[in-house]
Amino acid sequence: PAAPQPQAVAGQPVALVATEEVWLRIDDAGGGPAVFQGTMTPGQTLQILATAQRPILRTGRPQVLRIQVGGRDLGPLEPVERTVSDVSLRAEDIAARLQAGTVAAPAPAPTAR
């Protein structure tokens, strides 16, 4: 599937879905306390609040966090385990990362034979 255009998804809701246990921290780069800090369990979904002006993520296991924008699964945040920080969680920034190839595209659905 083609990556969404950043301007087409601007302002849409963003969620993270854990496929394995993962620690993460989300700060609002606009200031204030952490939006979220803790461990997500497999299957847990975290909605990024629309009130966060510039939500940024830090985690050491981005490959186990699937990104959803407007309810559409865009795949894992990163394809391999490594520490990432200052990753914007705004819908348009995620779409731009996907277009640039920094986010793995979701696997195609299996076809019937």
N, C-alpha and C. Protein backbone atom coordinates (compact mmCIF):
# COMPACT_ATOMS: atom_id res chain seq x y z
N PRO A 1 0.82 -1.20 0.00
CA PRO A 1 0.00 0.00 0.00
C PRO A 1 0.85 1.25 0.00
N ALA A 2 0.36 2.26 -0.67
CA ALA A 2 1.10 3.51 -0.77
C ALA A 2 1.05 4.26 0.55
N ALA A 3 2.13 5.00 0.83
CA ALA A 3 2.19 5.82 2.04
C ALA A 3 1.21 6.97 1.90
N PRO A 4 0.53 7.33 2.98
CA PRO A 4 -0.39 8.46 2.90
C PRO A 4 0.38 9.77 2.75
N GLN A 5 -0.23 10.72 2.08
CA GLN A 5 0.36 12.04 1.93
C GLN A 5 0.28 12.76 3.28
N PRO A 6 1.37 13.41 3.72
CA PRO A 6 1.34 14.10 5.02
C PRO A 6 0.19 15.08 5.17
N GLN A 7 -0.08 15.87 4.14
CA GLN A 7 -1.16 16.86 4.25
C GLN A 7 -2.53 16.19 4.32
N ALA A 8 -2.66 14.97 3.77
CA ALA A 8 -3.95 14.27 3.78
C ALA A 8 -4.29 13.72 5.17
N VAL A 9 -3.28 13.48 6.01
CA VAL A 9 -3.54 12.90 7.33
C VAL A 9 -3.36 13.90 8.47
N ALA A 10 -2.99 15.13 8.14
CA ALA A 10 -2.77 16.15 9.17
C ALA A 10 -3.98 16.25 10.09
N GLY A 11 -3.72 16.20 11.38
CA GLY A 11 -4.79 16.34 12.37
C GLY A 11 -5.54 15.06 12.68
N GLN A 12 -5.26 13.96 11.99
CA GLN A 12 -5.94 12.71 12.28
C GLN A 12 -5.40 12.09 13.56
N PRO A 13 -6.22 11.28 14.24
CA PRO A 13 -5.77 10.67 15.49
C PRO A 13 -4.65 9.66 15.26
N VAL A 14 -3.73 9.62 16.22
CA VAL A 14 -2.60 8.71 16.17
C VAL A 14 -2.67 7.78 17.38
N ALA A 15 -2.38 6.50 17.15
CA ALA A 15 -2.34 5.52 18.23
C ALA A 15 -1.12 4.63 18.04
N LEU A 16 -0.60 4.14 19.16
CA LEU A 16 0.48 3.15 19.15
C LEU A 16 -0.09 1.85 19.69
N VAL A 17 0.24 0.73 19.04
CA VAL A 17 -0.22 -0.58 19.49
C VAL A 17 1.02 -1.44 19.74
N ALA A 18 1.16 -1.95 20.96
CA ALA A 18 2.31 -2.78 21.31
C ALA A 18 2.07 -4.22 20.85
N THR A 19 3.06 -4.80 20.18
CA THR A 19 2.98 -6.21 19.81
C THR A 19 3.73 -7.08 20.80
N GLU A 20 4.61 -6.45 21.59
CA GLU A 20 5.33 -7.10 22.69
C GLU A 20 5.46 -6.07 23.80
N GLU A 21 5.95 -6.50 24.97
CA GLU A 21 6.14 -5.56 26.06
C GLU A 21 7.20 -4.53 25.65
N VAL A 22 6.90 -3.25 25.93
CA VAL A 22 7.82 -2.20 25.51
C VAL A 22 7.69 -0.99 26.45
N TRP A 23 8.85 -0.43 26.83
CA TRP A 23 8.86 0.80 27.62
C TRP A 23 8.97 1.96 26.65
N LEU A 24 8.25 3.04 26.96
CA LEU A 24 8.37 4.23 26.14
C LEU A 24 8.04 5.46 26.96
N ARG A 25 8.45 6.58 26.43
CA ARG A 25 8.14 7.88 27.03
C ARG A 25 7.70 8.80 25.91
N ILE A 26 6.61 9.51 26.15
CA ILE A 26 6.12 10.50 25.20
C ILE A 26 6.08 11.83 25.92
N ASP A 27 6.79 12.79 25.39
CA ASP A 27 6.81 14.15 25.92
C ASP A 27 6.12 15.07 24.93
N ASP A 28 5.66 16.20 25.42
CA ASP A 28 5.14 17.24 24.55
C ASP A 28 6.27 18.24 24.39
N ALA A 29 6.83 18.31 23.17
CA ALA A 29 7.96 19.20 22.93
C ALA A 29 7.57 20.66 23.17
N GLY A 30 6.27 20.93 23.26
CA GLY A 30 5.81 22.27 23.56
C GLY A 30 5.96 22.62 25.03
N GLY A 31 6.38 21.64 25.86
CA GLY A 31 6.59 21.86 27.28
C GLY A 31 5.61 21.09 28.13
N GLY A 32 5.84 21.13 29.43
CA GLY A 32 4.95 20.44 30.35
C GLY A 32 5.46 19.05 30.71
N PRO A 33 4.69 18.35 31.55
CA PRO A 33 5.09 17.02 32.00
C PRO A 33 4.95 15.99 30.89
N ALA A 34 5.52 14.81 31.12
CA ALA A 34 5.42 13.71 30.16
C ALA A 34 3.95 13.39 29.89
N VAL A 35 3.63 13.15 28.62
CA VAL A 35 2.29 12.75 28.23
C VAL A 35 2.05 11.31 28.69
N PHE A 36 3.09 10.47 28.55
CA PHE A 36 3.03 9.07 28.99
C PHE A 36 4.45 8.60 29.25
N GLN A 37 4.61 7.83 30.30
CA GLN A 37 5.87 7.15 30.56
C GLN A 37 5.54 5.86 31.25
N GLY A 38 5.98 4.76 30.67
CA GLY A 38 5.70 3.47 31.28
C GLY A 38 5.86 2.33 30.29
N THR A 39 5.38 1.17 30.68
CA THR A 39 5.49 -0.03 29.88
C THR A 39 4.13 -0.39 29.30
N MET A 40 4.12 -0.65 28.02
CA MET A 40 2.91 -1.15 27.36
C MET A 40 3.03 -2.66 27.26
N THR A 41 1.91 -3.33 27.36
CA THR A 41 1.87 -4.79 27.24
C THR A 41 1.36 -5.18 25.86
N PRO A 42 1.62 -6.43 25.43
CA PRO A 42 1.16 -6.85 24.11
C PRO A 42 -0.34 -6.63 23.92
N GLY A 43 -0.69 -6.01 22.80
CA GLY A 43 -2.09 -5.75 22.49
C GLY A 43 -2.61 -4.42 23.02
N GLN A 44 -1.85 -3.80 23.91
CA GLN A 44 -2.29 -2.52 24.49
C GLN A 44 -2.18 -1.41 23.45
N THR A 45 -3.19 -0.53 23.43
CA THR A 45 -3.22 0.61 22.52
C THR A 45 -3.13 1.89 23.32
N LEU A 46 -2.33 2.81 22.84
CA LEU A 46 -2.18 4.11 23.48
C LEU A 46 -2.56 5.18 22.47
N GLN A 47 -3.63 5.91 22.75
CA GLN A 47 -4.06 7.01 21.90
C GLN A 47 -3.24 8.25 22.26
N ILE A 48 -2.72 8.93 21.26
CA ILE A 48 -2.00 10.17 21.49
C ILE A 48 -3.05 11.28 21.58
N LEU A 49 -3.07 11.97 22.69
CA LEU A 49 -4.08 12.99 22.91
C LEU A 49 -3.93 14.14 21.93
N ALA A 50 -5.05 14.59 21.40
CA ALA A 50 -5.05 15.70 20.45
C ALA A 50 -4.57 16.99 21.10
N THR A 51 -4.59 17.04 22.43
CA THR A 51 -4.15 18.25 23.14
C THR A 51 -2.63 18.38 23.17
N ALA A 52 -1.91 17.30 22.87
CA ALA A 52 -0.44 17.37 22.82
C ALA A 52 -0.04 18.13 21.56
N GLN A 53 0.64 19.24 21.73
CA GLN A 53 1.00 20.08 20.58
C GLN A 53 2.04 19.43 19.69
N ARG A 54 3.11 18.91 20.30
CA ARG A 54 4.20 18.30 19.54
C ARG A 54 4.67 17.05 20.28
N PRO A 55 3.88 15.97 20.24
CA PRO A 55 4.27 14.76 20.97
C PRO A 55 5.49 14.10 20.34
N ILE A 56 6.48 13.79 21.19
CA ILE A 56 7.69 13.11 20.72
C ILE A 56 7.92 11.86 21.56
N LEU A 57 8.45 10.85 20.92
CA LEU A 57 8.60 9.51 21.50
C LEU A 57 10.05 9.15 21.71
N ARG A 58 10.29 8.40 22.80
CA ARG A 58 11.59 7.77 23.05
C ARG A 58 11.32 6.34 23.47
N THR A 59 12.02 5.38 22.84
CA THR A 59 11.90 3.97 23.19
C THR A 59 13.13 3.23 22.68
N GLY A 60 13.37 2.06 23.23
CA GLY A 60 14.48 1.22 22.78
C GLY A 60 14.00 0.05 21.93
N ARG A 61 12.68 -0.06 21.75
CA ARG A 61 12.14 -1.18 20.98
C ARG A 61 11.07 -0.70 19.99
N PRO A 62 11.45 0.15 19.04
CA PRO A 62 10.45 0.70 18.12
C PRO A 62 9.83 -0.34 17.20
N GLN A 63 10.50 -1.47 17.02
CA GLN A 63 9.99 -2.50 16.11
C GLN A 63 8.75 -3.21 16.66
N VAL A 64 8.44 -3.03 17.95
CA VAL A 64 7.25 -3.67 18.53
C VAL A 64 6.11 -2.68 18.75
N LEU A 65 6.26 -1.48 18.20
CA LEU A 65 5.19 -0.47 18.26
C LEU A 65 4.63 -0.25 16.87
N ARG A 66 3.39 -0.64 16.66
CA ARG A 66 2.72 -0.39 15.38
C ARG A 66 2.03 0.96 15.47
N ILE A 67 2.07 1.70 14.38
CA ILE A 67 1.51 3.04 14.32
C ILE A 67 0.19 3.00 13.56
N GLN A 68 -0.82 3.64 14.15
CA GLN A 68 -2.10 3.80 13.46
C GLN A 68 -2.37 5.30 13.32
N VAL A 69 -2.74 5.69 12.12
CA VAL A 69 -3.12 7.08 11.86
C VAL A 69 -4.52 7.05 11.26
N GLY A 70 -5.45 7.70 11.92
CA GLY A 70 -6.83 7.70 11.45
C GLY A 70 -7.41 6.30 11.35
N GLY A 71 -6.94 5.39 12.21
CA GLY A 71 -7.41 4.01 12.21
C GLY A 71 -6.70 3.11 11.21
N ARG A 72 -5.82 3.67 10.39
CA ARG A 72 -5.07 2.89 9.39
C ARG A 72 -3.73 2.44 9.97
N ASP A 73 -3.45 1.14 9.90
CA ASP A 73 -2.20 0.59 10.40
C ASP A 73 -1.09 0.90 9.40
N LEU A 74 -0.08 1.65 9.86
CA LEU A 74 1.04 2.02 9.00
C LEU A 74 2.27 1.17 9.23
N GLY A 75 2.16 0.16 10.09
CA GLY A 75 3.29 -0.72 10.33
C GLY A 75 4.09 -0.32 11.56
N PRO A 76 5.22 -1.00 11.78
CA PRO A 76 6.04 -0.70 12.96
C PRO A 76 6.74 0.65 12.82
N LEU A 77 7.03 1.24 13.96
CA LEU A 77 7.73 2.53 13.98
C LEU A 77 9.08 2.43 13.29
N GLU A 78 9.81 1.36 13.53
CA GLU A 78 11.12 1.10 12.92
C GLU A 78 11.21 -0.41 12.69
N PRO A 79 12.00 -0.85 11.74
CA PRO A 79 12.08 -2.29 11.46
C PRO A 79 12.97 -3.08 12.42
N VAL A 80 13.89 -2.41 13.13
CA VAL A 80 14.82 -3.12 14.00
C VAL A 80 14.88 -2.50 15.39
N GLU A 81 15.36 -3.29 16.33
CA GLU A 81 15.51 -2.80 17.71
C GLU A 81 16.69 -1.85 17.80
N ARG A 82 16.41 -0.64 18.26
CA ARG A 82 17.44 0.37 18.51
C ARG A 82 16.76 1.50 19.26
N THR A 83 17.54 2.28 19.98
CA THR A 83 16.97 3.40 20.71
C THR A 83 16.67 4.53 19.75
N VAL A 84 15.43 5.01 19.84
CA VAL A 84 15.03 6.17 19.05
C VAL A 84 14.53 7.23 20.02
N SER A 85 14.77 8.47 19.69
CA SER A 85 14.29 9.56 20.53
C SER A 85 13.93 10.74 19.65
N ASP A 86 13.13 11.63 20.20
CA ASP A 86 12.67 12.80 19.46
C ASP A 86 11.94 12.45 18.17
N VAL A 87 11.19 11.33 18.18
CA VAL A 87 10.39 10.94 17.03
C VAL A 87 9.01 11.58 17.17
N SER A 88 8.66 12.43 16.23
CA SER A 88 7.38 13.12 16.28
C SER A 88 6.23 12.13 16.08
N LEU A 89 5.18 12.29 16.87
CA LEU A 89 3.99 11.46 16.74
C LEU A 89 2.81 12.23 16.15
N ARG A 90 3.09 13.33 15.48
CA ARG A 90 2.03 14.03 14.75
C ARG A 90 1.76 13.25 13.47
N ALA A 91 0.51 13.12 13.08
CA ALA A 91 0.12 12.29 11.94
C ALA A 91 0.90 12.65 10.67
N GLU A 92 1.02 13.94 10.39
CA GLU A 92 1.70 14.34 9.16
C GLU A 92 3.20 14.02 9.20
N ASP A 93 3.81 14.08 10.38
CA ASP A 93 5.23 13.74 10.50
C ASP A 93 5.45 12.23 10.34
N ILE A 94 4.52 11.44 10.85
CA ILE A 94 4.61 9.98 10.68
C ILE A 94 4.49 9.63 9.21
N ALA A 95 3.55 10.25 8.50
CA ALA A 95 3.38 9.99 7.07
C ALA A 95 4.64 10.38 6.30
N ALA A 96 5.26 11.49 6.68
CA ALA A 96 6.49 11.92 6.00
C ALA A 96 7.61 10.91 6.25
N ARG A 97 7.70 10.38 7.48
CA ARG A 97 8.71 9.34 7.78
C ARG A 97 8.47 8.10 6.94
N LEU A 98 7.21 7.73 6.78
CA LEU A 98 6.86 6.55 5.99
C LEU A 98 7.26 6.77 4.54
N GLN A 99 6.98 7.94 4.00
CA GLN A 99 7.34 8.24 2.62
C GLN A 99 8.86 8.24 2.42
N ALA A 100 9.58 8.69 3.43
CA ALA A 100 11.04 8.75 3.35
C ALA A 100 11.67 7.37 3.54
N GLY A 101 10.84 6.38 3.92
CA GLY A 101 11.36 5.03 4.11
C GLY A 101 11.93 4.78 5.48
N THR A 102 11.67 5.68 6.44
CA THR A 102 12.20 5.48 7.79
C THR A 102 11.28 4.62 8.63
N VAL A 103 10.07 4.37 8.15
CA VAL A 103 9.13 3.49 8.84
C VAL A 103 8.87 2.35 7.90
N ALA A 104 8.90 1.14 8.39
CA ALA A 104 8.63 -0.02 7.55
C ALA A 104 7.17 -0.01 7.11
N ALA A 105 6.94 -0.33 5.86
CA ALA A 105 5.56 -0.41 5.37
C ALA A 105 4.92 -1.68 5.91
N PRO A 106 3.61 -1.67 6.13
CA PRO A 106 2.96 -2.86 6.63
C PRO A 106 3.05 -4.00 5.62
N ALA A 107 3.10 -5.21 6.12
CA ALA A 107 3.14 -6.37 5.24
C ALA A 107 1.82 -6.48 4.48
N PRO A 108 1.87 -6.86 3.21
CA PRO A 108 0.62 -7.00 2.48
C PRO A 108 -0.22 -8.14 3.06
N ALA A 109 -1.52 -8.00 2.89
CA ALA A 109 -2.43 -9.04 3.38
C ALA A 109 -2.23 -10.30 2.55
N PRO A 110 -2.33 -11.49 3.20
CA PRO A 110 -2.18 -12.74 2.43
C PRO A 110 -3.31 -12.85 1.41
N THR A 111 -2.99 -13.41 0.27
CA THR A 111 -4.00 -13.60 -0.77
C THR A 111 -4.49 -15.03 -0.76
N ALA A 112 -5.75 -15.21 -1.10
CA ALA A 112 -6.35 -16.55 -1.15
C ALA A 112 -5.83 -17.28 -2.38
N ARG A 113 -5.62 -18.56 -2.24
CA ARG A 113 -5.12 -19.35 -3.37
C ARG A 113 -6.18 -20.26 -3.87
